[in-house]
Amino acid sequence: MNEWINVIAVSALPEGERHLTMAKGHPILIFNLEGNFYAIEDCCTHQGLPLSDGELQGNEITCPFHGAKFNIITGEVTEPPAFENLITFETRVIEGMLQILI
Protein backbone atom coordinates (compact mmCIF):
# COMPACT_ATOMS: atom_id res chain seq x y z
CA MET A 1 0.00 0.00 0.00
CA ASN A 2 1.27 3.48 -0.82
CA GLU A 3 1.87 6.03 1.91
CA TRP A 4 2.88 9.67 2.18
CA ILE A 5 6.50 10.11 3.33
CA ASN A 6 8.09 13.33 4.58
CA VAL A 7 11.07 14.25 2.41
CA ILE A 8 12.33 17.76 3.05
CA ALA A 9 11.18 21.10 4.40
CA VAL A 10 9.96 23.25 1.53
CA SER A 11 12.18 26.08 2.78
CA ALA A 12 15.24 23.85 2.30
CA LEU A 13 14.53 23.30 -1.42
CA PRO A 14 14.72 26.66 -3.25
CA GLU A 15 13.22 27.19 -6.67
CA GLY A 16 15.32 25.67 -9.43
CA GLU A 17 17.05 23.23 -7.07
CA ARG A 18 16.86 19.46 -6.69
CA HIS A 19 17.15 17.06 -3.78
CA LEU A 20 18.08 13.37 -3.79
CA THR A 21 16.57 11.15 -1.12
CA MET A 22 15.89 7.47 -0.44
CA ALA A 23 12.35 6.25 0.20
CA LYS A 24 11.47 2.59 0.72
CA GLY A 25 14.79 1.58 -0.85
CA HIS A 26 14.32 3.72 -3.97
CA PRO A 27 16.46 6.75 -4.88
CA ILE A 28 14.02 9.60 -5.50
CA LEU A 29 14.99 12.89 -7.15
CA ILE A 30 12.82 15.88 -6.18
CA PHE A 31 12.69 19.17 -8.08
CA ASN A 32 11.35 22.62 -7.25
CA LEU A 33 10.34 23.97 -10.64
CA GLU A 34 8.78 27.43 -10.46
CA GLY A 35 7.41 26.68 -6.99
CA ASN A 36 5.93 23.32 -8.00
CA PHE A 37 7.42 20.08 -6.74
CA TYR A 38 8.03 17.01 -8.90
CA ALA A 39 9.51 13.63 -7.99
CA ILE A 40 11.01 10.95 -10.22
CA GLU A 41 12.89 7.76 -9.54
CA ASP A 42 16.60 8.57 -9.89
CA CYS A 43 17.18 5.81 -12.42
CA CYS A 44 17.50 6.30 -16.17
CA THR A 45 15.43 3.66 -17.93
CA HIS A 46 18.13 3.19 -20.56
CA GLN A 47 20.73 1.43 -18.39
CA GLY A 48 19.61 2.05 -14.81
CA LEU A 49 22.16 4.78 -14.10
CA PRO A 50 21.39 7.80 -11.87
CA LEU A 51 19.95 11.02 -13.29
CA SER A 52 20.79 13.18 -10.27
CA ASP A 53 23.80 14.83 -11.93
CA GLY A 54 21.98 15.40 -15.21
CA GLU A 55 21.48 18.83 -16.72
CA LEU A 56 18.04 20.33 -16.17
CA GLN A 57 16.68 22.66 -18.86
CA GLY A 58 13.14 23.80 -18.21
CA ASN A 59 11.24 20.66 -17.28
CA GLU A 60 13.61 18.26 -19.06
CA ILE A 61 16.50 16.35 -17.49
CA THR A 62 19.32 14.82 -19.54
CA CYS A 63 20.99 11.61 -18.41
CA PRO A 64 24.66 12.48 -17.80
CA PHE A 65 25.81 9.10 -19.13
CA HIS A 66 24.16 8.53 -22.51
CA GLY A 67 22.08 11.65 -23.19
CA ALA A 68 18.54 10.27 -22.85
CA LYS A 69 16.09 13.05 -21.97
CA PHE A 70 12.98 12.93 -19.80
CA ASN A 71 10.18 15.28 -18.83
CA ILE A 72 10.37 15.54 -15.02
CA ILE A 73 6.67 16.40 -14.75
CA THR A 74 5.26 13.45 -16.70
CA GLY A 75 8.25 11.07 -16.71
CA GLU A 76 7.97 10.75 -20.48
CA VAL A 77 11.04 10.05 -22.61
CA THR A 78 11.69 13.04 -24.86
CA GLU A 79 14.87 11.78 -26.53
CA PRO A 80 16.47 8.31 -26.87
CA PRO A 81 18.42 6.15 -26.25
CA ALA A 82 15.83 5.47 -23.50
CA PHE A 83 12.41 4.31 -24.65
CA GLU A 84 10.70 3.58 -21.33
CA ASN A 85 9.22 6.43 -19.27
CA LEU A 86 10.41 7.25 -15.75
CA ILE A 87 8.47 6.40 -12.62
CA THR A 88 7.01 9.59 -11.13
CA PHE A 89 5.63 10.19 -7.66
CA GLU A 90 2.82 12.43 -6.47
CA THR A 91 3.94 15.28 -4.20
CA ARG A 92 2.18 17.51 -1.69
CA VAL A 93 3.08 20.09 0.94
CA ILE A 94 1.72 19.71 4.48
CA GLU A 95 2.69 22.25 7.15
CA GLY A 96 5.80 23.29 5.25
CA MET A 97 6.99 19.73 4.67
CA LEU A 98 7.26 18.23 1.18
CA GLN A 99 5.85 14.72 1.01
CA ILE A 100 5.85 12.07 -1.71
CA LEU A 101 3.41 9.22 -2.19
CA ILE A 102 5.29 5.96 -2.47
PDB file of N, CA and C in Angstrom:
ATOM      1  N   MET A   1       0.830  -1.170   0.000  1.00  0.00           N
ATOM      2  CA  MET A   1       0.000   0.000   0.000  1.00  0.00           C
ATOM      3  C   MET A   1       0.889   1.253   0.000  1.00  0.00           C
ATOM      4  N   ASN A   2       0.503   2.233  -0.769  1.00  0.00           N
ATOM      5  CA  ASN A   2       1.270   3.481  -0.823  1.00  0.00           C
ATOM      6  C   ASN A   2       1.009   4.321   0.418  1.00  0.00           C
ATOM      7  N   GLU A   3       2.018   5.119   0.779  1.00  0.00           N
ATOM      8  CA  GLU A   3       1.866   6.033   1.912  1.00  0.00           C
ATOM      9  C   GLU A   3       2.630   7.312   1.633  1.00  0.00           C
ATOM     10  N   TRP A   4       2.194   8.392   2.291  1.00  0.00           N
ATOM     11  CA  TRP A   4       2.884   9.673   2.175  1.00  0.00           C
ATOM     12  C   TRP A   4       4.097   9.664   3.091  1.00  0.00           C
ATOM     13  N   ILE A   5       5.244  10.084   2.565  1.00  0.00           N
ATOM     14  CA  ILE A   5       6.496  10.111   3.328  1.00  0.00           C
ATOM     15  C   ILE A   5       7.058  11.526   3.305  1.00  0.00           C
ATOM     16  N   ASN A   6       7.426  12.035   4.496  1.00  0.00           N
ATOM     17  CA  ASN A   6       8.086  13.332   4.578  1.00  0.00           C
ATOM     18  C   ASN A   6       9.459  13.240   3.933  1.00  0.00           C
ATOM     19  N   VAL A   7       9.799  14.267   3.113  1.00  0.00           N
ATOM     20  CA  VAL A   7      11.069  14.247   2.407  1.00  0.00           C
ATOM     21  C   VAL A   7      11.974  15.376   2.851  1.00  0.00           C
ATOM     22  N   ILE A   8      11.484  16.599   2.769  1.00  0.00           N
ATOM     23  CA  ILE A   8      12.333  17.760   3.049  1.00  0.00           C
ATOM     24  C   ILE A   8      11.426  18.958   3.336  1.00  0.00           C
ATOM     25  N   ALA A   9      11.908  19.851   4.179  1.00  0.00           N
ATOM     26  CA  ALA A   9      11.177  21.100   4.402  1.00  0.00           C
ATOM     27  C   ALA A   9      11.200  21.913   3.116  1.00  0.00           C
ATOM     28  N   VAL A  10      10.062  22.468   2.758  1.00  0.00           N
ATOM     29  CA  VAL A  10       9.959  23.252   1.527  1.00  0.00           C
ATOM     30  C   VAL A  10      10.985  24.382   1.524  1.00  0.00           C
ATOM     31  N   SER A  11      11.224  24.975   2.680  1.00  0.00           N
ATOM     32  CA  SER A  11      12.176  26.085   2.781  1.00  0.00           C
ATOM     33  C   SER A  11      13.612  25.652   2.476  1.00  0.00           C
ATOM     34  N   ALA A  12      13.896  24.355   2.557  1.00  0.00           N
ATOM     35  CA  ALA A  12      15.242  23.845   2.299  1.00  0.00           C
ATOM     36  C   ALA A  12      15.462  23.469   0.828  1.00  0.00           C
ATOM     37  N   LEU A  13      14.417  23.645  -0.005  1.00  0.00           N
ATOM     38  CA  LEU A  13      14.527  23.299  -1.418  1.00  0.00           C
ATOM     39  C   LEU A  13      14.100  24.507  -2.260  1.00  0.00           C
ATOM     40  N   PRO A  14      15.043  25.435  -2.500  1.00  0.00           N
ATOM     41  CA  PRO A  14      14.721  26.661  -3.245  1.00  0.00           C
ATOM     42  C   PRO A  14      14.319  26.370  -4.689  1.00  0.00           C
ATOM     43  N   GLU A  15      13.635  27.310  -5.280  1.00  0.00           N
ATOM     44  CA  GLU A  15      13.216  27.194  -6.669  1.00  0.00           C
ATOM     45  C   GLU A  15      14.421  26.947  -7.572  1.00  0.00           C
ATOM     46  N   GLY A  16      14.258  26.006  -8.497  1.00  0.00           N
ATOM     47  CA  GLY A  16      15.323  25.667  -9.433  1.00  0.00           C
ATOM     48  C   GLY A  16      16.299  24.628  -8.918  1.00  0.00           C
ATOM     49  N   GLU A  17      16.133  24.198  -7.671  1.00  0.00           N
ATOM     50  CA  GLU A  17      17.048  23.225  -7.068  1.00  0.00           C
ATOM     51  C   GLU A  17      16.448  21.826  -7.089  1.00  0.00           C
ATOM     52  N   ARG A  18      17.290  20.850  -6.779  1.00  0.00           N
ATOM     53  CA  ARG A  18      16.865  19.456  -6.688  1.00  0.00           C
ATOM     54  C   ARG A  18      17.379  18.852  -5.398  1.00  0.00           C
ATOM     55  N   HIS A  19      16.776  17.751  -5.009  1.00  0.00           N
ATOM     56  CA  HIS A  19      17.151  17.062  -3.776  1.00  0.00           C
ATOM     57  C   HIS A  19      17.038  15.560  -4.008  1.00  0.00           C
ATOM     58  N   LEU A  20      18.073  14.826  -3.660  1.00  0.00           N
ATOM     59  CA  LEU A  20      18.078  13.374  -3.792  1.00  0.00           C
ATOM     60  C   LEU A  20      17.818  12.757  -2.425  1.00  0.00           C
ATOM     61  N   THR A  21      16.903  11.816  -2.366  1.00  0.00           N
ATOM     62  CA  THR A  21      16.568  11.145  -1.119  1.00  0.00           C
ATOM     63  C   THR A  21      16.324   9.670  -1.387  1.00  0.00           C
ATOM     64  N   MET A  22      16.254   8.881  -0.332  1.00  0.00           N
ATOM     65  CA  MET A  22      15.892   7.465  -0.441  1.00  0.00           C
ATOM     66  C   MET A  22      14.546   7.290   0.251  1.00  0.00           C
ATOM     67  N   ALA A  23      13.657   6.542  -0.394  1.00  0.00           N
ATOM     68  CA  ALA A  23      12.354   6.248   0.196  1.00  0.00           C
ATOM     69  C   ALA A  23      12.001   4.807  -0.137  1.00  0.00           C
ATOM     70  N   LYS A  24      11.803   4.011   0.880  1.00  0.00           N
ATOM     71  CA  LYS A  24      11.474   2.592   0.721  1.00  0.00           C
ATOM     72  C   LYS A  24      12.470   1.882  -0.207  1.00  0.00           C
ATOM     73  N   GLY A  25      13.740   2.229  -0.072  1.00  0.00           N
ATOM     74  CA  GLY A  25      14.791   1.585  -0.846  1.00  0.00           C
ATOM     75  C   GLY A  25      14.955   2.097  -2.266  1.00  0.00           C
ATOM     76  N   HIS A  26      14.235   3.150  -2.630  1.00  0.00           N
ATOM     77  CA  HIS A  26      14.322   3.720  -3.968  1.00  0.00           C
ATOM     78  C   HIS A  26      14.958   5.108  -3.919  1.00  0.00           C
ATOM     79  N   PRO A  27      15.928   5.384  -4.792  1.00  0.00           N
ATOM     80  CA  PRO A  27      16.458   6.747  -4.879  1.00  0.00           C
ATOM     81  C   PRO A  27      15.436   7.626  -5.610  1.00  0.00           C
ATOM     82  N   ILE A  28      15.035   8.699  -4.963  1.00  0.00           N
ATOM     83  CA  ILE A  28      14.024   9.605  -5.504  1.00  0.00           C
ATOM     84  C   ILE A  28      14.653  10.984  -5.671  1.00  0.00           C
ATOM     85  N   LEU A  29      14.466  11.561  -6.844  1.00  0.00           N
ATOM     86  CA  LEU A  29      14.988  12.889  -7.155  1.00  0.00           C
ATOM     87  C   LEU A  29      13.818  13.863  -7.179  1.00  0.00           C
ATOM     88  N   ILE A  30      13.901  14.893  -6.342  1.00  0.00           N
ATOM     89  CA  ILE A  30      12.824  15.876  -6.179  1.00  0.00           C
ATOM     90  C   ILE A  30      13.287  17.200  -6.756  1.00  0.00           C
ATOM     91  N   PHE A  31      12.392  17.876  -7.455  1.00  0.00           N
ATOM     92  CA  PHE A  31      12.688  19.165  -8.078  1.00  0.00           C
ATOM     93  C   PHE A  31      11.704  20.222  -7.607  1.00  0.00           C
ATOM     94  N   ASN A  32      12.210  21.454  -7.437  1.00  0.00           N
ATOM     95  CA  ASN A  32      11.352  22.618  -7.252  1.00  0.00           C
ATOM     96  C   ASN A  32      11.443  23.387  -8.554  1.00  0.00           C
ATOM     97  N   LEU A  33      10.391  23.322  -9.341  1.00  0.00           N
ATOM     98  CA  LEU A  33      10.343  23.967 -10.641  1.00  0.00           C
ATOM     99  C   LEU A  33       9.257  25.030 -10.606  1.00  0.00           C
ATOM    100  N   GLU A  34       9.698  26.286 -10.516  1.00  0.00           N
ATOM    101  CA  GLU A  34       8.784  27.431 -10.460  1.00  0.00           C
ATOM    102  C   GLU A  34       7.783  27.302  -9.317  1.00  0.00           C
ATOM    103  N   GLY A  35       8.252  26.803  -8.173  1.00  0.00           N
ATOM    104  CA  GLY A  35       7.406  26.684  -6.990  1.00  0.00           C
ATOM    105  C   GLY A  35       6.540  25.436  -6.954  1.00  0.00           C
ATOM    106  N   ASN A  36       6.636  24.604  -7.982  1.00  0.00           N
ATOM    107  CA  ASN A  36       5.926  23.323  -8.001  1.00  0.00           C
ATOM    108  C   ASN A  36       6.941  22.210  -7.782  1.00  0.00           C
ATOM    109  N   PHE A  37       6.513  21.162  -7.102  1.00  0.00           N
ATOM    110  CA  PHE A  37       7.423  20.081  -6.745  1.00  0.00           C
ATOM    111  C   PHE A  37       7.103  18.832  -7.555  1.00  0.00           C
ATOM    112  N   TYR A  38       8.157  18.209  -8.082  1.00  0.00           N
ATOM    113  CA  TYR A  38       8.033  17.007  -8.898  1.00  0.00           C
ATOM    114  C   TYR A  38       9.028  15.980  -8.387  1.00  0.00           C
ATOM    115  N   ALA A  39       8.644  14.705  -8.470  1.00  0.00           N
ATOM    116  CA  ALA A  39       9.509  13.626  -7.988  1.00  0.00           C
ATOM    117  C   ALA A  39       9.567  12.507  -9.017  1.00  0.00           C
ATOM    118  N   ILE A  40      10.785  12.060  -9.295  1.00  0.00           N
ATOM    119  CA  ILE A  40      11.011  10.954 -10.220  1.00  0.00           C
ATOM    120  C   ILE A  40      11.966   9.959  -9.560  1.00  0.00           C
ATOM    121  N   GLU A  41      11.893   8.713 -10.000  1.00  0.00           N
ATOM    122  CA  GLU A  41      12.891   7.758  -9.539  1.00  0.00           C
ATOM    123  C   GLU A  41      14.218   8.125 -10.190  1.00  0.00           C
ATOM    124  N   ASP A  42      15.277   8.159  -9.397  1.00  0.00           N
ATOM    125  CA  ASP A  42      16.597   8.574  -9.885  1.00  0.00           C
ATOM    126  C   ASP A  42      17.272   7.401 -10.589  1.00  0.00           C
ATOM    127  N   CYS A  43      16.682   6.985 -11.713  1.00  0.00           N
ATOM    128  CA  CYS A  43      17.176   5.813 -12.419  1.00  0.00           C
ATOM    129  C   CYS A  43      16.789   5.918 -13.888  1.00  0.00           C
ATOM    130  N   CYS A  44      17.760   6.220 -14.730  1.00  0.00           N
ATOM    131  CA  CYS A  44      17.503   6.300 -16.166  1.00  0.00           C
ATOM    132  C   CYS A  44      17.032   4.932 -16.661  1.00  0.00           C
ATOM    133  N   THR A  45      15.977   4.929 -17.453  1.00  0.00           N
ATOM    134  CA  THR A  45      15.427   3.664 -17.932  1.00  0.00           C
ATOM    135  C   THR A  45      16.250   3.036 -19.049  1.00  0.00           C
ATOM    136  N   HIS A  46      17.277   3.739 -19.502  1.00  0.00           N
ATOM    137  CA  HIS A  46      18.134   3.186 -20.562  1.00  0.00           C
ATOM    138  C   HIS A  46      19.045   2.091 -20.009  1.00  0.00           C
ATOM    139  N   GLN A  47      19.819   2.430 -18.964  1.00  0.00           N
ATOM    140  CA  GLN A  47      20.729   1.434 -18.386  1.00  0.00           C
ATOM    141  C   GLN A  47      20.727   1.433 -16.865  1.00  0.00           C
ATOM    142  N   GLY A  48      19.739   2.082 -16.258  1.00  0.00           N
ATOM    143  CA  GLY A  48      19.611   2.050 -14.806  1.00  0.00           C
ATOM    144  C   GLY A  48      20.580   2.935 -14.056  1.00  0.00           C
ATOM    145  N   LEU A  49      21.197   3.884 -14.735  1.00  0.00           N
ATOM    146  CA  LEU A  49      22.162   4.777 -14.097  1.00  0.00           C
ATOM    147  C   LEU A  49      21.455   5.999 -13.517  1.00  0.00           C
ATOM    148  N   PRO A  50      22.052   6.662 -12.512  1.00  0.00           N
ATOM    149  CA  PRO A  50      21.394   7.801 -11.869  1.00  0.00           C
ATOM    150  C   PRO A  50      21.288   9.031 -12.768  1.00  0.00           C
ATOM    151  N   LEU A  51      20.200   9.764 -12.567  1.00  0.00           N
ATOM    152  CA  LEU A  51      19.953  11.016 -13.294  1.00  0.00           C
ATOM    153  C   LEU A  51      20.328  12.245 -12.474  1.00  0.00           C
ATOM    154  N   SER A  52      20.640  12.057 -11.205  1.00  0.00           N
ATOM    155  CA  SER A  52      20.788  13.184 -10.273  1.00  0.00           C
ATOM    156  C   SER A  52      21.813  14.227 -10.696  1.00  0.00           C
ATOM    157  N   ASP A  53      22.815  13.861 -11.458  1.00  0.00           N
ATOM    158  CA  ASP A  53      23.802  14.834 -11.928  1.00  0.00           C
ATOM    159  C   ASP A  53      23.498  15.348 -13.327  1.00  0.00           C
ATOM    160  N   GLY A  54      22.343  14.982 -13.859  1.00  0.00           N
ATOM    161  CA  GLY A  54      21.975  15.397 -15.207  1.00  0.00           C
ATOM    162  C   GLY A  54      21.632  16.870 -15.292  1.00  0.00           C
ATOM    163  N   GLU A  55      21.801  17.427 -16.483  1.00  0.00           N
ATOM    164  CA  GLU A  55      21.481  18.835 -16.723  1.00  0.00           C
ATOM    165  C   GLU A  55      19.971  18.996 -16.828  1.00  0.00           C
ATOM    166  N   LEU A  56      19.455  20.014 -16.132  1.00  0.00           N
ATOM    167  CA  LEU A  56      18.037  20.328 -16.173  1.00  0.00           C
ATOM    168  C   LEU A  56      17.836  21.596 -16.987  1.00  0.00           C
ATOM    169  N   GLN A  57      17.042  21.499 -18.042  1.00  0.00           N
ATOM    170  CA  GLN A  57      16.683  22.658 -18.860  1.00  0.00           C
ATOM    171  C   GLN A  57      15.169  22.700 -18.919  1.00  0.00           C
ATOM    172  N   GLY A  58      14.597  23.734 -18.308  1.00  0.00           N
ATOM    173  CA  GLY A  58      13.142  23.800 -18.213  1.00  0.00           C
ATOM    174  C   GLY A  58      12.642  22.629 -17.397  1.00  0.00           C
ATOM    175  N   ASN A  59      11.761  21.822 -17.994  1.00  0.00           N
ATOM    176  CA  ASN A  59      11.241  20.656 -17.279  1.00  0.00           C
ATOM    177  C   ASN A  59      11.821  19.340 -17.817  1.00  0.00           C
ATOM    178  N   GLU A  60      12.991  19.429 -18.438  1.00  0.00           N
ATOM    179  CA  GLU A  60      13.605  18.262 -19.058  1.00  0.00           C
ATOM    180  C   GLU A  60      14.985  17.995 -18.455  1.00  0.00           C
ATOM    181  N   ILE A  61      15.199  16.746 -18.024  1.00  0.00           N
ATOM    182  CA  ILE A  61      16.502  16.354 -17.493  1.00  0.00           C
ATOM    183  C   ILE A  61      17.187  15.430 -18.499  1.00  0.00           C
ATOM    184  N   THR A  62      18.509  15.631 -18.632  1.00  0.00           N
ATOM    185  CA  THR A  62      19.320  14.824 -19.542  1.00  0.00           C
ATOM    186  C   THR A  62      20.180  13.874 -18.729  1.00  0.00           C
ATOM    187  N   CYS A  63      20.139  12.600 -19.080  1.00  0.00           N
ATOM    188  CA  CYS A  63      20.987  11.614 -18.415  1.00  0.00           C
ATOM    189  C   CYS A  63      22.444  11.977 -18.675  1.00  0.00           C
ATOM    190  N   PRO A  64      23.268  12.080 -17.616  1.00  0.00           N
ATOM    191  CA  PRO A  64      24.663  12.480 -17.802  1.00  0.00           C
ATOM    192  C   PRO A  64      25.530  11.394 -18.436  1.00  0.00           C
ATOM    193  N   PHE A  65      25.010  10.203 -18.605  1.00  0.00           N
ATOM    194  CA  PHE A  65      25.813   9.103 -19.132  1.00  0.00           C
ATOM    195  C   PHE A  65      25.633   8.888 -20.631  1.00  0.00           C
ATOM    196  N   HIS A  66      24.397   8.848 -21.109  1.00  0.00           N
ATOM    197  CA  HIS A  66      24.162   8.531 -22.512  1.00  0.00           C
ATOM    198  C   HIS A  66      23.233   9.509 -23.223  1.00  0.00           C
ATOM    199  N   GLY A  67      22.818  10.577 -22.534  1.00  0.00           N
ATOM    200  CA  GLY A  67      22.084  11.649 -23.189  1.00  0.00           C
ATOM    201  C   GLY A  67      20.587  11.470 -23.348  1.00  0.00           C
ATOM    202  N   ALA A  68      20.000  10.410 -22.803  1.00  0.00           N
ATOM    203  CA  ALA A  68      18.544  10.273 -22.851  1.00  0.00           C
ATOM    204  C   ALA A  68      17.925  11.460 -22.120  1.00  0.00           C
ATOM    205  N   LYS A  69      16.763  11.906 -22.590  1.00  0.00           N
ATOM    206  CA  LYS A  69      16.088  13.046 -21.971  1.00  0.00           C
ATOM    207  C   LYS A  69      14.689  12.646 -21.535  1.00  0.00           C
ATOM    208  N   PHE A  70      14.277  13.245 -20.393  1.00  0.00           N
ATOM    209  CA  PHE A  70      12.982  12.932 -19.801  1.00  0.00           C
ATOM    210  C   PHE A  70      12.298  14.204 -19.314  1.00  0.00           C
ATOM    211  N   ASN A  71      10.983  14.218 -19.407  1.00  0.00           N
ATOM    212  CA  ASN A  71      10.178  15.280 -18.833  1.00  0.00           C
ATOM    213  C   ASN A  71      10.004  14.954 -17.357  1.00  0.00           C
ATOM    214  N   ILE A  72      10.441  15.836 -16.451  1.00  0.00           N
ATOM    215  CA  ILE A  72      10.369  15.538 -15.019  1.00  0.00           C
ATOM    216  C   ILE A  72       8.950  15.644 -14.467  1.00  0.00           C
ATOM    217  N   ILE A  73       8.054  16.273 -15.210  1.00  0.00           N
ATOM    218  CA  ILE A  73       6.668  16.398 -14.754  1.00  0.00           C
ATOM    219  C   ILE A  73       5.892  15.123 -15.058  1.00  0.00           C
ATOM    220  N   THR A  74       6.036  14.612 -16.263  1.00  0.00           N
ATOM    221  CA  THR A  74       5.261  13.445 -16.696  1.00  0.00           C
ATOM    222  C   THR A  74       6.058  12.151 -16.663  1.00  0.00           C
ATOM    223  N   GLY A  75       7.391  12.247 -16.643  1.00  0.00           N
ATOM    224  CA  GLY A  75       8.252  11.073 -16.712  1.00  0.00           C
ATOM    225  C   GLY A  75       8.495  10.579 -18.123  1.00  0.00           C
ATOM    226  N   GLU A  76       7.863  11.218 -19.106  1.00  0.00           N
ATOM    227  CA  GLU A  76       7.973  10.749 -20.482  1.00  0.00           C
ATOM    228  C   GLU A  76       9.376  10.929 -21.059  1.00  0.00           C
ATOM    229  N   VAL A  77       9.795   9.944 -21.856  1.00  0.00           N
ATOM    230  CA  VAL A  77      11.039  10.049 -22.611  1.00  0.00           C
ATOM    231  C   VAL A  77      10.829  11.107 -23.688  1.00  0.00           C
ATOM    232  N   THR A  78      11.779  12.033 -23.804  1.00  0.00           N
ATOM    233  CA  THR A  78      11.690  13.043 -24.856  1.00  0.00           C
ATOM    234  C   THR A  78      12.787  12.876 -25.902  1.00  0.00           C
ATOM    235  N   GLU A  79      13.800  12.062 -25.567  1.00  0.00           N
ATOM    236  CA  GLU A  79      14.868  11.779 -26.535  1.00  0.00           C
ATOM    237  C   GLU A  79      15.561  10.474 -26.159  1.00  0.00           C
ATOM    238  N   PRO A  80      15.779   9.567 -27.139  1.00  0.00           N
ATOM    239  CA  PRO A  80      16.471   8.307 -26.867  1.00  0.00           C
ATOM    240  C   PRO A  80      17.940   8.556 -26.511  1.00  0.00           C
ATOM    241  N   PRO A  81      18.637   7.562 -25.996  1.00  0.00           N
ATOM    242  CA  PRO A  81      18.423   6.154 -26.251  1.00  0.00           C
ATOM    243  C   PRO A  81      17.403   5.457 -25.349  1.00  0.00           C
ATOM    244  N   ALA A  82      16.876   6.100 -24.320  1.00  0.00           N
ATOM    245  CA  ALA A  82      15.834   5.466 -23.504  1.00  0.00           C
ATOM    246  C   ALA A  82      14.523   5.436 -24.280  1.00  0.00           C
ATOM    247  N   PHE A  83      13.724   4.420 -24.016  1.00  0.00           N
ATOM    248  CA  PHE A  83      12.409   4.313 -24.648  1.00  0.00           C
ATOM    249  C   PHE A  83      11.301   4.112 -23.628  1.00  0.00           C
ATOM    250  N   GLU A  84      11.685   3.804 -22.387  1.00  0.00           N
ATOM    251  CA  GLU A  84      10.705   3.576 -21.326  1.00  0.00           C
ATOM    252  C   GLU A  84      10.634   4.818 -20.436  1.00  0.00           C
ATOM    253  N   ASN A  85       9.416   5.239 -20.102  1.00  0.00           N
ATOM    254  CA  ASN A  85       9.221   6.427 -19.265  1.00  0.00           C
ATOM    255  C   ASN A  85       9.718   6.193 -17.843  1.00  0.00           C
ATOM    256  N   LEU A  86      10.003   7.293 -17.150  1.00  0.00           N
ATOM    257  CA  LEU A  86      10.414   7.248 -15.750  1.00  0.00           C
ATOM    258  C   LEU A  86       9.216   7.020 -14.845  1.00  0.00           C
ATOM    259  N   ILE A  87       9.479   6.472 -13.669  1.00  0.00           N
ATOM    260  CA  ILE A  87       8.470   6.398 -12.623  1.00  0.00           C
ATOM    261  C   ILE A  87       8.408   7.774 -11.960  1.00  0.00           C
ATOM    262  N   THR A  88       7.209   8.307 -11.806  1.00  0.00           N
ATOM    263  CA  THR A  88       7.012   9.586 -11.133  1.00  0.00           C
ATOM    264  C   THR A  88       6.220   9.349  -9.851  1.00  0.00           C
ATOM    265  N   PHE A  89       6.310  10.304  -8.935  1.00  0.00           N
ATOM    266  CA  PHE A  89       5.628  10.191  -7.656  1.00  0.00           C
ATOM    267  C   PHE A  89       4.838  11.467  -7.389  1.00  0.00           C
ATOM    268  N   GLU A  90       3.655  11.288  -6.843  1.00  0.00           N
ATOM    269  CA  GLU A  90       2.824  12.429  -6.473  1.00  0.00           C
ATOM    270  C   GLU A  90       3.473  13.149  -5.300  1.00  0.00           C
ATOM    271  N   THR A  91       3.381  14.473  -5.289  1.00  0.00           N
ATOM    272  CA  THR A  91       3.938  15.276  -4.200  1.00  0.00           C
ATOM    273  C   THR A  91       2.839  16.138  -3.591  1.00  0.00           C
ATOM    274  N   ARG A  92       3.059  16.548  -2.358  1.00  0.00           N
ATOM    275  CA  ARG A  92       2.179  17.512  -1.694  1.00  0.00           C
ATOM    276  C   ARG A  92       2.975  18.200  -0.591  1.00  0.00           C
ATOM    277  N   VAL A  93       2.459  19.342  -0.159  1.00  0.00           N
ATOM    278  CA  VAL A  93       3.080  20.089   0.936  1.00  0.00           C
ATOM    279  C   VAL A  93       2.085  20.143   2.086  1.00  0.00           C
ATOM    280  N   ILE A  94       2.524  19.681   3.257  1.00  0.00           N
ATOM    281  CA  ILE A  94       1.719  19.712   4.475  1.00  0.00           C
ATOM    282  C   ILE A  94       2.549  20.388   5.557  1.00  0.00           C
ATOM    283  N   GLU A  95       2.028  21.505   6.061  1.00  0.00           N
ATOM    284  CA  GLU A  95       2.692  22.246   7.149  1.00  0.00           C
ATOM    285  C   GLU A  95       4.160  22.502   6.851  1.00  0.00           C
ATOM    286  N   GLY A  96       4.449  22.927   5.625  1.00  0.00           N
ATOM    287  CA  GLY A  96       5.801  23.295   5.247  1.00  0.00           C
ATOM    288  C   GLY A  96       6.729  22.144   4.916  1.00  0.00           C
ATOM    289  N   MET A  97       6.198  20.922   4.955  1.00  0.00           N
ATOM    290  CA  MET A  97       6.991  19.727   4.671  1.00  0.00           C
ATOM    291  C   MET A  97       6.556  19.135   3.333  1.00  0.00           C
ATOM    292  N   LEU A  98       7.542  18.885   2.458  1.00  0.00           N
ATOM    293  CA  LEU A  98       7.255  18.231   1.184  1.00  0.00           C
ATOM    294  C   LEU A  98       7.142  16.735   1.425  1.00  0.00           C
ATOM    295  N   GLN A  99       6.084  16.158   0.885  1.00  0.00           N
ATOM    296  CA  GLN A  99       5.849  14.720   1.012  1.00  0.00           C
ATOM    297  C   GLN A  99       5.715  14.115  -0.377  1.00  0.00           C
ATOM    298  N   ILE A 100       6.086  12.830  -0.468  1.00  0.00           N
ATOM    299  CA  ILE A 100       5.851  12.069  -1.707  1.00  0.00           C
ATOM    300  C   ILE A 100       5.014  10.854  -1.376  1.00  0.00           C
ATOM    301  N   LEU A 101       4.230  10.422  -2.346  1.00  0.00           N
ATOM    302  CA  LEU A 101       3.414   9.219  -2.187  1.00  0.00           C
ATOM    303  C   LEU A 101       4.173   8.067  -2.824  1.00  0.00           C
ATOM    304  N   ILE A 102       4.549   7.113  -1.972  1.00  0.00           N
ATOM    305  CA  ILE A 102       5.293   5.957  -2.471  1.00  0.00           C
ATOM    306  C   ILE A 102       4.795   4.682  -1.794  1.00  0.00           C
TER     307      ILE A 102
END
